[in-house]
Amino acid sequence: MPKVQPGSFLTLHYRLSAPDGADIINTFDGTPATLSLGTGELAPAMEQRLIGLEEGSRTSFDIPAGEAFGERNPQLLQRVKRGLLDELGDPDETYHLGDVVQFPTPDGAGSYAGVVREIGDEWVLFDFNHPLAGQPVRFEVQLIGVL
């Protein structure tokens, strides 16, 4: 049976769950995922755990807090002035706690997201950490095909 190696192309079902057991991603009830290792489609900590597994295997990994999506970084909590938000988007936009807001990258070619954590009169506090940063996760995988 073929084994997963760096750069392998995989067809797999996988489930990523939060510490409370809630599904974050689950392909087991639908179409399997296809991906190529090393392209950033999975976090490096998850990819490392796949290396050496044989096609057809099914297993689970508990990934410690901070390893899969990094530690929480307090510097990624940023207050953004309402005037700048008005410039970048809709000046009539109403923000609510928990909203996910997309921001353009400086070159305008992409975007990144921040979650609204606090709202002031003249500013909004955004959290640009990955939502799972600093949390343990469970990664379950069933390898269907390895090329």
N, C-alpha and C. Protein backbone atom coordinates (compact mmCIF):
# COMPACT_ATOMS: atom_id res chain seq x y z
N MET A 1 0.84 -1.19 0.00
CA MET A 1 0.00 0.00 0.00
C MET A 1 0.88 1.25 0.00
N PRO A 2 0.50 2.23 -0.80
CA PRO A 2 1.27 3.48 -0.80
C PRO A 2 1.19 4.19 0.55
N LYS A 3 2.28 4.87 0.91
CA LYS A 3 2.34 5.64 2.15
C LYS A 3 2.43 7.13 1.82
N VAL A 4 1.92 7.94 2.73
CA VAL A 4 1.97 9.40 2.57
C VAL A 4 3.42 9.87 2.72
N GLN A 5 3.84 10.68 1.76
CA GLN A 5 5.17 11.29 1.78
C GLN A 5 5.01 12.79 1.55
N PRO A 6 6.03 13.59 1.87
CA PRO A 6 5.95 15.02 1.56
C PRO A 6 5.62 15.20 0.08
N GLY A 7 4.66 16.04 -0.24
CA GLY A 7 4.26 16.28 -1.62
C GLY A 7 3.22 15.33 -2.16
N SER A 8 2.80 14.34 -1.36
CA SER A 8 1.79 13.38 -1.82
C SER A 8 0.48 14.09 -2.15
N PHE A 9 -0.22 13.54 -3.13
CA PHE A 9 -1.57 13.98 -3.47
C PHE A 9 -2.51 13.01 -2.77
N LEU A 10 -3.45 13.53 -1.99
CA LEU A 10 -4.31 12.68 -1.15
C LEU A 10 -5.79 12.87 -1.45
N THR A 11 -6.53 11.78 -1.34
CA THR A 11 -7.98 11.82 -1.28
C THR A 11 -8.30 11.27 0.11
N LEU A 12 -9.04 12.02 0.89
CA LEU A 12 -9.29 11.63 2.26
C LEU A 12 -10.57 12.22 2.81
N HIS A 13 -11.07 11.56 3.82
CA HIS A 13 -12.10 12.17 4.67
C HIS A 13 -11.37 12.65 5.90
N TYR A 14 -11.78 13.81 6.42
CA TYR A 14 -11.19 14.24 7.67
C TYR A 14 -12.19 15.05 8.48
N ARG A 15 -11.91 15.05 9.76
CA ARG A 15 -12.74 15.79 10.72
C ARG A 15 -11.80 16.53 11.64
N LEU A 16 -12.05 17.81 11.80
CA LEU A 16 -11.32 18.64 12.74
C LEU A 16 -12.34 19.09 13.77
N SER A 17 -12.06 18.83 15.05
CA SER A 17 -13.02 19.21 16.08
C SER A 17 -12.35 20.03 17.17
N ALA A 18 -13.16 20.89 17.78
CA ALA A 18 -12.73 21.79 18.84
C ALA A 18 -12.64 21.01 20.16
N PRO A 19 -12.09 21.65 21.20
CA PRO A 19 -11.95 20.98 22.49
C PRO A 19 -13.28 20.44 23.04
N ASP A 20 -14.39 21.09 22.70
CA ASP A 20 -15.69 20.63 23.20
C ASP A 20 -16.28 19.51 22.34
N GLY A 21 -15.54 19.08 21.30
CA GLY A 21 -16.00 18.00 20.44
C GLY A 21 -16.81 18.46 19.24
N ALA A 22 -17.12 19.74 19.17
CA ALA A 22 -17.91 20.27 18.05
C ALA A 22 -17.10 20.23 16.76
N ASP A 23 -17.75 19.81 15.68
CA ASP A 23 -17.10 19.78 14.38
C ASP A 23 -16.76 21.18 13.90
N ILE A 24 -15.56 21.33 13.40
CA ILE A 24 -15.15 22.55 12.72
C ILE A 24 -15.23 22.29 11.22
N ILE A 25 -14.68 21.15 10.84
CA ILE A 25 -14.76 20.65 9.45
C ILE A 25 -15.02 19.16 9.56
N ASN A 26 -15.93 18.65 8.72
CA ASN A 26 -16.19 17.22 8.71
C ASN A 26 -16.62 16.81 7.30
N THR A 27 -15.79 16.03 6.63
CA THR A 27 -16.12 15.57 5.28
C THR A 27 -16.67 14.15 5.26
N PHE A 28 -16.74 13.48 6.41
CA PHE A 28 -17.15 12.07 6.46
C PHE A 28 -18.56 11.83 5.93
N ASP A 29 -19.44 12.80 6.03
CA ASP A 29 -20.81 12.63 5.56
C ASP A 29 -21.01 13.15 4.13
N GLY A 30 -19.94 13.54 3.48
CA GLY A 30 -20.08 14.12 2.14
C GLY A 30 -18.97 13.66 1.22
N THR A 31 -18.57 14.55 0.36
CA THR A 31 -17.52 14.28 -0.62
C THR A 31 -16.15 14.34 0.05
N PRO A 32 -15.28 13.37 -0.23
CA PRO A 32 -13.94 13.44 0.36
C PRO A 32 -13.16 14.63 -0.19
N ALA A 33 -12.19 15.06 0.58
CA ALA A 33 -11.32 16.15 0.18
C ALA A 33 -10.17 15.60 -0.66
N THR A 34 -9.67 16.42 -1.56
CA THR A 34 -8.44 16.10 -2.29
C THR A 34 -7.48 17.26 -2.06
N LEU A 35 -6.24 16.93 -1.77
CA LEU A 35 -5.26 17.97 -1.50
C LEU A 35 -3.87 17.45 -1.74
N SER A 36 -2.96 18.37 -1.85
CA SER A 36 -1.55 18.06 -2.04
C SER A 36 -0.79 18.56 -0.82
N LEU A 37 -0.02 17.67 -0.19
CA LEU A 37 0.75 18.08 0.99
C LEU A 37 1.78 19.13 0.61
N GLY A 38 1.99 20.07 1.51
CA GLY A 38 3.00 21.09 1.29
C GLY A 38 2.49 22.34 0.60
N THR A 39 1.20 22.39 0.29
CA THR A 39 0.65 23.56 -0.41
C THR A 39 -0.11 24.49 0.52
N GLY A 40 -0.15 24.17 1.81
CA GLY A 40 -0.82 25.04 2.77
C GLY A 40 -2.30 24.77 2.94
N GLU A 41 -2.80 23.70 2.35
CA GLU A 41 -4.22 23.39 2.50
C GLU A 41 -4.54 22.86 3.89
N LEU A 42 -3.56 22.26 4.53
CA LEU A 42 -3.69 21.82 5.92
C LEU A 42 -2.58 22.50 6.72
N ALA A 43 -2.84 22.70 8.01
CA ALA A 43 -1.80 23.23 8.90
C ALA A 43 -0.62 22.26 8.93
N PRO A 44 0.61 22.78 9.02
CA PRO A 44 1.79 21.90 9.05
C PRO A 44 1.72 20.82 10.12
N ALA A 45 1.17 21.13 11.28
CA ALA A 45 1.08 20.12 12.35
C ALA A 45 0.20 18.95 11.93
N MET A 46 -0.82 19.21 11.12
CA MET A 46 -1.68 18.14 10.64
C MET A 46 -0.98 17.35 9.54
N GLU A 47 -0.31 18.06 8.63
CA GLU A 47 0.42 17.39 7.56
C GLU A 47 1.49 16.45 8.12
N GLN A 48 2.21 16.90 9.14
CA GLN A 48 3.27 16.07 9.72
C GLN A 48 2.73 14.75 10.24
N ARG A 49 1.53 14.77 10.78
CA ARG A 49 0.93 13.56 11.34
C ARG A 49 0.48 12.59 10.25
N LEU A 50 0.32 13.07 9.04
CA LEU A 50 -0.09 12.20 7.94
C LEU A 50 1.09 11.44 7.32
N ILE A 51 2.29 12.02 7.43
CA ILE A 51 3.47 11.42 6.82
C ILE A 51 3.66 10.00 7.37
N GLY A 52 3.80 9.04 6.45
CA GLY A 52 4.04 7.65 6.82
C GLY A 52 2.79 6.80 6.95
N LEU A 53 1.61 7.43 6.97
CA LEU A 53 0.38 6.64 7.04
C LEU A 53 0.12 5.93 5.72
N GLU A 54 -0.43 4.73 5.79
CA GLU A 54 -0.73 3.96 4.59
C GLU A 54 -2.12 4.28 4.06
N GLU A 55 -2.24 4.20 2.74
CA GLU A 55 -3.54 4.31 2.09
C GLU A 55 -4.51 3.33 2.75
N GLY A 56 -5.73 3.78 3.02
CA GLY A 56 -6.75 2.94 3.65
C GLY A 56 -6.79 3.06 5.16
N SER A 57 -5.79 3.70 5.76
CA SER A 57 -5.78 3.79 7.22
C SER A 57 -6.75 4.86 7.71
N ARG A 58 -7.21 4.66 8.94
CA ARG A 58 -8.07 5.63 9.60
C ARG A 58 -7.56 5.78 11.02
N THR A 59 -7.33 7.03 11.43
CA THR A 59 -6.77 7.29 12.74
C THR A 59 -7.16 8.68 13.22
N SER A 60 -6.88 8.96 14.48
CA SER A 60 -7.15 10.27 15.08
C SER A 60 -5.90 10.75 15.81
N PHE A 61 -5.75 12.06 15.85
CA PHE A 61 -4.63 12.69 16.55
C PHE A 61 -5.18 13.81 17.42
N ASP A 62 -4.71 13.89 18.65
CA ASP A 62 -4.99 15.04 19.50
C ASP A 62 -3.80 15.97 19.36
N ILE A 63 -4.05 17.16 18.86
CA ILE A 63 -2.98 18.13 18.63
C ILE A 63 -3.03 19.15 19.76
N PRO A 64 -1.91 19.31 20.50
CA PRO A 64 -1.91 20.19 21.67
C PRO A 64 -2.21 21.66 21.34
N ALA A 65 -2.65 22.37 22.36
CA ALA A 65 -2.97 23.80 22.23
C ALA A 65 -1.79 24.54 21.60
N GLY A 66 -2.10 25.36 20.62
CA GLY A 66 -1.10 26.20 19.98
C GLY A 66 -0.31 25.54 18.87
N GLU A 67 -0.32 24.22 18.77
CA GLU A 67 0.50 23.56 17.75
C GLU A 67 -0.14 23.62 16.36
N ALA A 68 -1.44 23.43 16.27
CA ALA A 68 -2.08 23.39 14.96
C ALA A 68 -2.24 24.78 14.34
N PHE A 69 -2.64 25.76 15.15
CA PHE A 69 -2.93 27.09 14.61
C PHE A 69 -2.19 28.20 15.34
N GLY A 70 -1.13 27.84 16.03
CA GLY A 70 -0.30 28.82 16.73
C GLY A 70 -0.91 29.26 18.05
N GLU A 71 -0.10 29.96 18.82
CA GLU A 71 -0.57 30.53 20.08
C GLU A 71 -1.32 31.82 19.80
N ARG A 72 -2.17 32.21 20.72
CA ARG A 72 -2.85 33.50 20.58
C ARG A 72 -1.80 34.59 20.76
N ASN A 73 -1.86 35.59 19.91
CA ASN A 73 -0.91 36.69 19.94
C ASN A 73 -1.66 37.97 20.30
N PRO A 74 -1.39 38.53 21.48
CA PRO A 74 -2.11 39.74 21.88
C PRO A 74 -1.88 40.93 20.94
N GLN A 75 -0.78 40.89 20.18
CA GLN A 75 -0.52 41.98 19.23
C GLN A 75 -1.46 41.92 18.03
N LEU A 76 -2.17 40.81 17.87
CA LEU A 76 -3.13 40.69 16.76
C LEU A 76 -4.53 41.17 17.16
N LEU A 77 -4.63 41.76 18.34
CA LEU A 77 -5.84 42.49 18.73
C LEU A 77 -5.57 43.96 18.37
N GLN A 78 -6.33 44.50 17.45
CA GLN A 78 -6.05 45.84 16.94
C GLN A 78 -7.31 46.71 16.97
N ARG A 79 -7.15 47.92 17.50
CA ARG A 79 -8.23 48.90 17.42
C ARG A 79 -8.11 49.61 16.08
N VAL A 80 -9.20 49.67 15.36
CA VAL A 80 -9.22 50.34 14.06
C VAL A 80 -10.19 51.52 14.17
N LYS A 81 -9.70 52.68 13.81
CA LYS A 81 -10.54 53.88 13.88
C LYS A 81 -11.71 53.77 12.92
N ARG A 82 -12.82 54.25 13.37
CA ARG A 82 -14.05 54.18 12.56
C ARG A 82 -13.85 54.91 11.23
N GLY A 83 -13.10 56.01 11.22
CA GLY A 83 -12.84 56.74 9.99
C GLY A 83 -12.14 55.88 8.95
N LEU A 84 -11.19 55.04 9.38
CA LEU A 84 -10.50 54.15 8.45
C LEU A 84 -11.45 53.07 7.94
N LEU A 85 -12.29 52.55 8.83
CA LEU A 85 -13.28 51.56 8.39
C LEU A 85 -14.23 52.16 7.35
N ASP A 86 -14.62 53.41 7.56
CA ASP A 86 -15.50 54.09 6.60
C ASP A 86 -14.80 54.24 5.24
N GLU A 87 -13.49 54.56 5.29
CA GLU A 87 -12.71 54.70 4.05
C GLU A 87 -12.61 53.39 3.29
N LEU A 88 -12.36 52.29 4.03
CA LEU A 88 -12.14 50.99 3.41
C LEU A 88 -13.42 50.30 2.97
N GLY A 89 -14.52 50.67 3.59
CA GLY A 89 -15.77 49.97 3.29
C GLY A 89 -16.95 50.91 3.21
N ASP A 90 -18.07 50.44 3.70
CA ASP A 90 -19.33 51.18 3.67
C ASP A 90 -19.41 52.07 4.92
N PRO A 91 -19.48 53.41 4.76
CA PRO A 91 -19.55 54.29 5.93
C PRO A 91 -20.81 54.09 6.78
N ASP A 92 -21.82 53.44 6.23
CA ASP A 92 -23.05 53.18 6.98
C ASP A 92 -23.06 51.79 7.62
N GLU A 93 -21.95 51.08 7.52
CA GLU A 93 -21.86 49.72 8.08
C GLU A 93 -22.06 49.75 9.59
N THR A 94 -22.83 48.80 10.08
CA THR A 94 -23.02 48.62 11.52
C THR A 94 -22.30 47.35 11.92
N TYR A 95 -21.43 47.45 12.93
CA TYR A 95 -20.65 46.30 13.39
C TYR A 95 -21.27 45.74 14.66
N HIS A 96 -21.20 44.41 14.78
CA HIS A 96 -21.72 43.71 15.96
C HIS A 96 -20.64 42.77 16.48
N LEU A 97 -20.66 42.53 17.79
CA LEU A 97 -19.71 41.59 18.37
C LEU A 97 -19.81 40.24 17.66
N GLY A 98 -18.64 39.69 17.32
CA GLY A 98 -18.60 38.40 16.65
C GLY A 98 -18.60 38.48 15.13
N ASP A 99 -18.89 39.65 14.56
CA ASP A 99 -18.86 39.79 13.10
C ASP A 99 -17.45 39.50 12.58
N VAL A 100 -17.37 38.87 11.43
CA VAL A 100 -16.10 38.65 10.75
C VAL A 100 -16.04 39.66 9.61
N VAL A 101 -14.99 40.48 9.61
CA VAL A 101 -14.86 41.56 8.63
C VAL A 101 -13.60 41.31 7.80
N GLN A 102 -13.75 41.41 6.48
CA GLN A 102 -12.63 41.23 5.57
C GLN A 102 -11.93 42.57 5.34
N PHE A 103 -10.60 42.53 5.36
CA PHE A 103 -9.77 43.71 5.10
C PHE A 103 -8.88 43.41 3.90
N PRO A 104 -8.65 44.41 3.03
CA PRO A 104 -7.74 44.16 1.91
C PRO A 104 -6.29 44.15 2.38
N THR A 105 -5.47 43.34 1.73
CA THR A 105 -4.04 43.38 2.02
C THR A 105 -3.48 44.69 1.48
N PRO A 106 -2.32 45.12 1.97
CA PRO A 106 -1.77 46.40 1.50
C PRO A 106 -1.61 46.48 -0.02
N ASP A 107 -1.31 45.35 -0.68
CA ASP A 107 -1.14 45.38 -2.14
C ASP A 107 -2.47 45.25 -2.88
N GLY A 108 -3.56 45.02 -2.11
CA GLY A 108 -4.89 44.92 -2.72
C GLY A 108 -5.16 43.60 -3.42
N ALA A 109 -4.18 42.68 -3.40
CA ALA A 109 -4.33 41.42 -4.13
C ALA A 109 -5.09 40.35 -3.33
N GLY A 110 -5.22 40.54 -2.04
CA GLY A 110 -5.88 39.53 -1.22
C GLY A 110 -6.65 40.19 -0.09
N SER A 111 -7.01 39.37 0.88
CA SER A 111 -7.71 39.89 2.04
C SER A 111 -7.39 39.05 3.27
N TYR A 112 -7.69 39.60 4.42
CA TYR A 112 -7.56 38.88 5.68
C TYR A 112 -8.74 39.27 6.54
N ALA A 113 -9.03 38.45 7.55
CA ALA A 113 -10.25 38.64 8.32
C ALA A 113 -9.94 38.96 9.78
N GLY A 114 -10.82 39.74 10.38
CA GLY A 114 -10.76 40.04 11.80
C GLY A 114 -12.14 39.89 12.40
N VAL A 115 -12.18 39.44 13.65
CA VAL A 115 -13.44 39.26 14.36
C VAL A 115 -13.65 40.45 15.29
N VAL A 116 -14.84 41.04 15.27
CA VAL A 116 -15.16 42.17 16.14
C VAL A 116 -15.24 41.67 17.58
N ARG A 117 -14.41 42.28 18.46
CA ARG A 117 -14.39 41.88 19.88
C ARG A 117 -14.97 42.97 20.79
N GLU A 118 -14.78 44.24 20.42
CA GLU A 118 -15.33 45.37 21.20
C GLU A 118 -15.67 46.48 20.22
N ILE A 119 -16.65 47.30 20.62
CA ILE A 119 -17.05 48.44 19.79
C ILE A 119 -17.05 49.69 20.66
N GLY A 120 -16.26 50.68 20.25
CA GLY A 120 -16.23 51.96 20.93
C GLY A 120 -16.91 53.01 20.06
N ASP A 121 -16.99 54.23 20.57
CA ASP A 121 -17.61 55.30 19.79
C ASP A 121 -16.81 55.63 18.53
N GLU A 122 -15.49 55.62 18.65
CA GLU A 122 -14.63 56.04 17.53
C GLU A 122 -13.76 54.91 16.98
N TRP A 123 -13.92 53.70 17.48
CA TRP A 123 -13.06 52.59 17.07
C TRP A 123 -13.80 51.26 17.21
N VAL A 124 -13.23 50.23 16.57
CA VAL A 124 -13.70 48.86 16.70
C VAL A 124 -12.46 48.00 16.97
N LEU A 125 -12.53 47.13 17.98
CA LEU A 125 -11.42 46.23 18.29
C LEU A 125 -11.62 44.93 17.53
N PHE A 126 -10.60 44.59 16.71
CA PHE A 126 -10.63 43.37 15.90
C PHE A 126 -9.59 42.38 16.43
N ASP A 127 -9.94 41.12 16.36
CA ASP A 127 -9.02 40.04 16.70
C ASP A 127 -8.63 39.36 15.39
N PHE A 128 -7.34 39.46 15.03
CA PHE A 128 -6.85 38.89 13.79
C PHE A 128 -6.17 37.52 14.00
N ASN A 129 -6.27 36.97 15.22
CA ASN A 129 -5.77 35.63 15.48
C ASN A 129 -6.66 34.61 14.75
N HIS A 130 -6.09 33.47 14.40
CA HIS A 130 -6.90 32.37 13.88
C HIS A 130 -7.90 32.01 14.97
N PRO A 131 -9.15 31.71 14.62
CA PRO A 131 -10.15 31.39 15.65
C PRO A 131 -9.74 30.22 16.56
N LEU A 132 -8.89 29.32 16.09
CA LEU A 132 -8.47 28.18 16.90
C LEU A 132 -7.07 28.35 17.50
N ALA A 133 -6.49 29.54 17.37
CA ALA A 133 -5.17 29.79 17.95
C ALA A 133 -5.22 29.54 19.45
N GLY A 134 -4.21 28.83 19.94
CA GLY A 134 -4.10 28.56 21.37
C GLY A 134 -5.03 27.48 21.89
N GLN A 135 -5.71 26.77 21.00
CA GLN A 135 -6.63 25.72 21.43
C GLN A 135 -6.16 24.35 20.94
N PRO A 136 -6.40 23.32 21.74
CA PRO A 136 -6.13 21.97 21.24
C PRO A 136 -7.23 21.57 20.25
N VAL A 137 -6.90 20.71 19.32
CA VAL A 137 -7.88 20.21 18.36
C VAL A 137 -7.68 18.71 18.18
N ARG A 138 -8.72 18.05 17.72
CA ARG A 138 -8.64 16.63 17.37
C ARG A 138 -8.75 16.55 15.85
N PHE A 139 -7.84 15.79 15.24
CA PHE A 139 -7.78 15.61 13.79
C PHE A 139 -7.98 14.14 13.50
N GLU A 140 -9.10 13.81 12.88
CA GLU A 140 -9.41 12.43 12.50
C GLU A 140 -9.31 12.33 10.98
N VAL A 141 -8.71 11.27 10.50
CA VAL A 141 -8.50 11.14 9.06
C VAL A 141 -8.70 9.70 8.60
N GLN A 142 -9.26 9.55 7.39
CA GLN A 142 -9.34 8.26 6.71
C GLN A 142 -8.75 8.48 5.32
N LEU A 143 -7.62 7.83 5.06
CA LEU A 143 -6.94 7.99 3.78
C LEU A 143 -7.54 7.05 2.75
N ILE A 144 -8.15 7.63 1.73
CA ILE A 144 -8.79 6.87 0.67
C ILE A 144 -7.81 6.56 -0.45
N GLY A 145 -7.02 7.56 -0.83
CA GLY A 145 -6.06 7.38 -1.89
C GLY A 145 -4.79 8.20 -1.65
N VAL A 146 -3.65 7.64 -2.03
CA VAL A 146 -2.36 8.32 -1.90
C VAL A 146 -1.62 8.18 -3.22
N LEU A 147 -1.29 9.32 -3.83
CA LEU A 147 -0.49 9.31 -5.07
C LEU A 147 0.81 10.04 -4.83
